[in-house]
């Protein structure tokens, strides 16, 4: 989420809550609606504690998913770079083809695949270059000891790459279930309604405004934080970007130049097949 939009949402929510408090304050009795302020504060403490415990659990859940997506993207990029090195030890007739498909895989992840994750349209779609690599790899018949070792290593690295991709795209669908969102918004509404009963015509308006505004600002900003962690793929501040894979593409370009692998790739810069 854009940080400016988030700030506007917090300010708007706090402003609306303050306006509601000041409206209720106009007809509130001097001293507030509660005869026993300590008992009312104790009830509010129970509400706030329950909300805080639930919120802490959900934040931990969302952050764990966010971190898993970030780590998965880094592991996937690193494995792609390692597979390019492994491909150079495979038979010559498949070496160049696998290298080109790996580069296209990386371009696709950093290009069209990442855009689909941000738009929420990736779904269960496979990376097409992963399929092409599988088809190419099936044609390989290793003969020498080094080719056989590279063959087995490639299979291990493919499993690692697929696991890392699963971790990366796991966060794109969101991990906070709908019932949790419903409970969070319901509890937020209950706390807001309860705060209105602290309206006191004997208190200064600024005190009442601060009382309501601070509580609502904290609640709304925390809910926005949850939404950010539950949807980590976006171009805004803190959103996950394909930095690791873009760095890998730069490294691969340098390595291929060093080994003199002058070849054309079967895709454009964004990973689309030519």
Protein backbone atom coordinates (compact mmCIF):
# COMPACT_ATOMS: atom_id res chain seq x y z
CA UNK A 1 0.00 0.00 0.00
CA UNK A 2 1.20 3.48 -0.81
CA UNK A 3 2.38 5.22 2.37
CA UNK A 4 0.56 8.43 1.44
CA UNK A 5 -2.71 6.53 1.04
CA UNK A 6 -2.16 4.80 4.37
CA UNK A 7 -1.51 8.15 6.08
CA UNK A 8 -4.68 9.60 4.56
CA UNK A 9 -6.70 6.59 5.76
CA UNK A 10 -5.36 6.93 9.32
CA UNK A 11 -6.03 10.67 9.41
CA UNK A 12 -9.52 10.25 7.94
CA UNK A 13 -10.45 7.47 10.37
CA UNK A 14 -9.10 9.40 13.35
CA UNK A 15 -10.89 12.55 12.19
CA UNK A 16 -14.21 10.71 11.83
CA UNK A 17 -13.79 9.13 15.27
CA UNK A 18 -12.97 12.49 16.87
CA UNK A 19 -16.02 14.04 15.22
CA UNK A 20 -18.20 11.23 16.58
CA UNK A 21 -16.76 11.70 20.08
CA UNK A 22 -17.34 15.46 20.04
CA UNK A 23 -20.87 14.94 18.75
CA UNK A 24 -21.69 12.52 21.58
CA UNK A 25 -19.96 14.85 24.08
CA UNK A 26 -22.51 17.58 23.35
CA UNK A 27 -25.27 15.62 25.10
CA UNK A 28 -23.09 13.61 27.49
CA UNK A 29 -23.53 14.26 31.25
CA UNK A 30 -20.83 15.99 33.24
CA UNK A 31 -18.50 13.24 34.43
CA UNK A 32 -19.40 10.86 31.60
CA UNK A 33 -21.87 8.02 31.28
CA UNK A 34 -20.07 5.77 33.77
CA UNK A 35 -20.73 6.23 37.47
CA UNK A 36 -17.75 4.05 38.36
CA UNK A 37 -14.81 5.09 36.21
CA UNK A 38 -12.47 2.45 37.64
CA UNK A 39 -14.82 -0.36 36.73
CA UNK A 40 -15.27 1.07 33.23
CA UNK A 41 -11.50 1.35 32.82
CA UNK A 42 -11.15 -2.27 33.94
CA UNK A 43 -13.61 -3.45 31.29
CA UNK A 44 -11.77 -1.40 28.67
CA UNK A 45 -8.53 -3.04 29.82
CA UNK A 46 -10.04 -6.47 29.18
CA UNK A 47 -11.16 -5.41 25.68
CA UNK A 48 -7.81 -3.83 24.85
CA UNK A 49 -5.82 -6.80 26.18
CA UNK A 50 -7.86 -9.33 24.22
CA UNK A 51 -7.51 -7.25 21.07
CA UNK A 52 -3.76 -6.82 21.62
CA UNK A 53 -3.18 -10.55 22.15
CA UNK A 54 -5.12 -11.46 19.01
CA UNK A 55 -3.41 -8.71 17.05
CA UNK A 56 0.03 -9.83 18.19
CA UNK A 57 -0.69 -13.38 17.06
CA UNK A 58 -1.92 -12.26 13.66
CA UNK A 59 1.03 -9.88 13.16
CA UNK A 60 3.43 -12.74 13.93
CA UNK A 61 1.60 -14.99 11.45
CA UNK A 62 1.63 -12.34 8.71
CA UNK A 63 5.27 -11.39 9.27
CA UNK A 64 6.34 -15.04 9.14
CA UNK A 65 4.65 -15.35 5.74
CA UNK A 66 6.22 -12.08 4.57
CA UNK A 67 9.69 -13.23 5.61
CA UNK A 68 9.18 -16.65 4.02
CA UNK A 69 8.30 -14.98 0.70
CA UNK A 70 11.39 -12.76 0.90
CA UNK A 71 13.67 -15.69 1.78
CA UNK A 72 12.09 -17.82 -0.96
CA UNK A 73 12.81 -15.16 -3.58
CA UNK A 74 16.46 -15.00 -2.50
CA UNK A 75 16.87 -18.78 -2.41
CA UNK A 76 15.27 -19.13 -5.84
CA UNK A 77 17.63 -16.56 -7.35
CA UNK A 78 20.67 -18.20 -5.80
CA UNK A 79 19.63 -21.65 -7.04
CA UNK A 80 19.16 -20.36 -10.59
CA UNK A 81 22.72 -19.02 -10.56
CA UNK A 82 24.01 -22.36 -9.30
CA UNK A 83 22.07 -24.27 -11.96
CA UNK A 84 23.66 -22.21 -14.71
CA UNK A 85 27.06 -23.34 -13.44
CA UNK A 86 25.86 -26.95 -13.28
CA UNK A 87 24.53 -26.73 -16.83
CA UNK A 88 28.04 -26.05 -18.13
CA UNK A 89 29.03 -29.60 -17.07
CA UNK A 90 26.20 -31.31 -18.92
CA UNK A 91 26.48 -32.65 -22.52
CA UNK A 92 27.22 -29.95 -25.07
CA UNK A 93 24.05 -30.48 -27.10
CA UNK A 94 21.85 -29.51 -24.11
CA UNK A 95 24.22 -27.11 -22.35
CA UNK A 96 23.43 -23.97 -24.34
CA UNK A 97 19.71 -24.70 -24.45
CA UNK A 98 19.43 -25.20 -20.68
CA UNK A 99 21.48 -22.08 -20.04
CA UNK A 100 19.22 -19.99 -22.24
CA UNK A 101 16.10 -21.41 -20.60
CA UNK A 102 17.49 -20.67 -17.14
CA UNK A 103 18.15 -17.06 -18.10
CA UNK A 104 14.62 -16.83 -19.50
CA UNK A 105 13.28 -18.35 -16.28
CA UNK A 106 15.05 -15.64 -14.29
CA UNK A 107 13.79 -12.91 -16.63
CA UNK A 108 10.26 -14.25 -16.33
CA UNK A 109 10.40 -14.25 -12.52
CA UNK A 110 11.67 -10.68 -12.42
CA UNK A 111 9.30 -9.59 -15.19
CA UNK A 112 5.86 -10.97 -16.06
CA UNK A 113 5.67 -13.42 -13.17
CA UNK A 114 6.33 -10.72 -10.58
CA UNK A 115 3.78 -8.41 -12.16
CA UNK A 116 1.17 -11.16 -11.97
CA UNK A 117 1.94 -11.69 -8.29
CA UNK A 118 1.44 -7.99 -7.65
CA UNK A 119 -1.86 -8.08 -9.54
CA UNK A 120 -2.95 -11.27 -7.75
CA UNK A 121 -3.42 -13.14 -11.04
CA UNK A 122 -0.57 -15.67 -10.82
CA UNK A 123 -2.73 -18.36 -9.22
CA UNK A 124 -1.45 -21.89 -9.82
CA UNK A 125 0.25 -20.99 -13.08
CA UNK A 126 3.62 -22.64 -13.67
CA UNK A 127 6.65 -20.79 -14.90
CA UNK A 128 6.67 -21.82 -18.60
CA UNK A 129 10.47 -21.91 -18.69
CA UNK A 130 10.53 -24.42 -15.85
CA UNK A 131 8.47 -26.71 -18.09
CA UNK A 132 10.81 -26.11 -21.04
CA UNK A 133 13.83 -26.98 -18.90
CA UNK A 134 12.19 -30.24 -17.87
CA UNK A 135 11.56 -31.15 -21.50
CA UNK A 136 15.14 -30.36 -22.44
CA UNK A 137 16.58 -32.21 -19.47
CA UNK A 138 14.68 -35.40 -20.36
CA UNK A 139 16.66 -35.64 -23.60
CA UNK A 140 20.02 -35.77 -21.80
CA UNK A 141 21.92 -39.07 -21.60
CA UNK A 142 25.01 -38.48 -19.40
CA UNK A 143 28.06 -40.52 -20.31
CA UNK A 144 31.15 -39.26 -18.50
CA UNK A 145 31.54 -39.20 -14.72
CA UNK A 146 31.35 -35.42 -14.61
CA UNK A 147 28.17 -35.41 -16.69
CA UNK A 148 26.58 -38.00 -14.43
CA UNK A 149 27.49 -35.99 -11.33
CA UNK A 150 26.12 -32.82 -12.92
CA UNK A 151 22.96 -34.71 -13.90
CA UNK A 152 22.25 -35.70 -10.30
CA UNK A 153 23.17 -32.25 -9.00
CA UNK A 154 20.77 -30.63 -11.46
CA UNK A 155 17.89 -32.73 -10.12
CA UNK A 156 18.68 -31.67 -6.55
CA UNK A 157 18.92 -28.02 -7.54
CA UNK A 158 15.64 -28.23 -9.44
CA UNK A 159 13.90 -29.47 -6.29
CA UNK A 160 15.49 -26.63 -4.30
CA UNK A 161 14.40 -24.07 -6.88
CA UNK A 162 10.83 -25.34 -6.94
CA UNK A 163 10.63 -25.30 -3.14
CA UNK A 164 11.96 -21.74 -3.06
CA UNK A 165 9.42 -20.69 -5.69
CA UNK A 166 6.61 -22.20 -3.60
CA UNK A 167 7.77 -20.20 -0.58
CA UNK A 168 7.95 -17.03 -2.70
CA UNK A 169 4.47 -17.24 -4.14
CA UNK A 170 2.90 -18.46 -0.89
CA UNK A 171 2.58 -14.90 0.40
CA UNK A 172 0.90 -13.67 -2.79
CA UNK A 173 -2.40 -15.31 -1.81
CA UNK A 174 -2.38 -13.95 1.75
CA UNK A 175 -2.27 -16.06 4.92
CA UNK A 176 -4.76 -14.29 7.18
CA UNK A 177 -8.10 -16.12 6.85
CA UNK A 178 -11.33 -14.17 6.44
CA UNK A 179 -12.71 -15.08 9.89
CA UNK A 180 -9.68 -13.46 11.50
CA UNK A 181 -10.25 -10.25 9.54
CA UNK A 182 -13.89 -10.29 10.60
CA UNK A 183 -12.98 -10.69 14.28
CA UNK A 184 -10.36 -7.95 14.08
CA UNK A 185 -12.76 -5.45 12.52
CA UNK A 186 -15.57 -6.47 14.88
CA UNK A 187 -13.32 -6.02 17.93
CA UNK A 188 -12.13 -2.66 16.59
CA UNK A 189 -15.74 -1.55 16.24
CA UNK A 190 -16.57 -2.69 19.77
CA UNK A 191 -13.63 -0.71 21.18
CA UNK A 192 -14.70 2.36 19.20
CA UNK A 193 -18.28 2.14 20.47
CA UNK A 194 -17.07 1.61 24.03
CA UNK A 195 -14.84 4.68 23.76
CA UNK A 196 -17.89 6.80 22.92
CA UNK A 197 -19.25 6.14 26.42
CA UNK A 198 -16.22 7.99 27.82
CA UNK A 199 -17.66 11.19 26.32
CA UNK A 200 -17.75 13.82 29.07
CA UNK A 201 -19.15 17.31 28.67
CA UNK A 202 -17.11 18.37 31.68
CA UNK A 203 -13.82 17.59 29.92
CA UNK A 204 -12.25 19.99 27.46
CA UNK A 205 -12.93 19.17 23.83
CA UNK A 206 -9.22 18.80 23.03
CA UNK A 207 -8.84 16.16 25.75
CA UNK A 208 -11.78 14.19 24.40
CA UNK A 209 -10.44 14.49 20.85
CA UNK A 210 -7.00 13.21 21.85
CA UNK A 211 -8.58 10.37 23.85
CA UNK A 212 -10.48 9.06 20.84
CA UNK A 213 -8.01 10.05 18.11
CA UNK A 214 -5.01 8.25 19.58
CA UNK A 215 -6.88 4.99 20.15
CA UNK A 216 -8.38 4.92 16.65
CA UNK A 217 -5.08 5.94 15.02
CA UNK A 218 -3.25 3.04 16.65
CA UNK A 219 -5.96 0.53 15.72
CA UNK A 220 -6.25 1.66 12.09
CA UNK A 221 -2.49 1.87 11.55
CA UNK A 222 -2.05 -1.64 12.95
CA UNK A 223 -4.76 -3.02 10.67
CA UNK A 224 -3.03 -1.35 7.73
CA UNK A 225 0.23 -2.98 8.81
CA UNK A 226 -1.51 -6.36 8.74
CA UNK A 227 -2.84 -5.67 5.26
CA UNK A 228 0.69 -4.75 4.13
CA UNK A 229 2.23 -7.94 5.57
CA UNK A 230 -0.59 -10.07 4.15
CA UNK A 231 0.01 -8.62 0.68
CA UNK A 232 3.81 -8.23 0.41
CA UNK A 233 4.02 -7.96 -3.38
CA UNK A 234 3.38 -4.34 -4.31
CA UNK A 235 5.48 -1.44 -5.65
CA UNK A 236 4.94 0.71 -2.54
CA UNK A 237 7.25 1.30 0.42
CA UNK A 238 8.44 -1.99 1.93
CA UNK A 239 6.92 -4.15 -0.81
CA UNK A 240 8.93 -7.13 -1.99
CA UNK A 241 10.70 -6.52 -5.27
CA UNK A 242 12.63 -8.96 -7.53
CA UNK A 243 15.96 -7.50 -6.42
CA UNK A 244 17.61 -10.88 -5.84
CA UNK A 245 16.67 -12.23 -9.27
CA UNK A 246 17.66 -9.00 -11.00
CA UNK A 247 21.04 -9.22 -9.27
CA UNK A 248 21.36 -12.83 -10.42
CA UNK A 249 20.66 -11.80 -14.02
CA UNK A 250 23.50 -9.27 -13.85
CA UNK A 251 25.85 -11.90 -12.42
CA UNK A 252 24.82 -14.45 -15.06
CA UNK A 253 25.48 -11.96 -17.84
CA UNK A 254 28.98 -11.34 -16.49
CA UNK A 255 29.71 -15.06 -16.03
CA UNK A 256 28.53 -15.95 -19.53
CA UNK A 257 30.75 -13.26 -20.98
CA UNK A 258 33.73 -14.60 -19.03
CA UNK A 259 33.26 -18.17 -20.31
CA UNK A 260 32.65 -16.87 -23.83
CA UNK A 261 29.10 -18.19 -24.10
CA UNK A 262 27.84 -15.94 -26.87
CA UNK A 263 24.28 -17.10 -27.45
CA UNK A 264 20.86 -15.71 -28.18
CA UNK A 265 18.07 -16.34 -25.70
CA UNK A 266 14.61 -17.61 -26.66
CA UNK A 267 12.87 -14.79 -24.77
CA UNK A 268 12.78 -11.02 -24.44
CA UNK A 269 13.99 -9.00 -21.45
CA UNK A 270 10.76 -9.66 -19.52
CA UNK A 271 10.76 -13.42 -20.03
CA UNK A 272 8.20 -13.66 -22.81
CA UNK A 273 8.92 -16.30 -25.45
CA UNK A 274 10.05 -14.88 -28.75
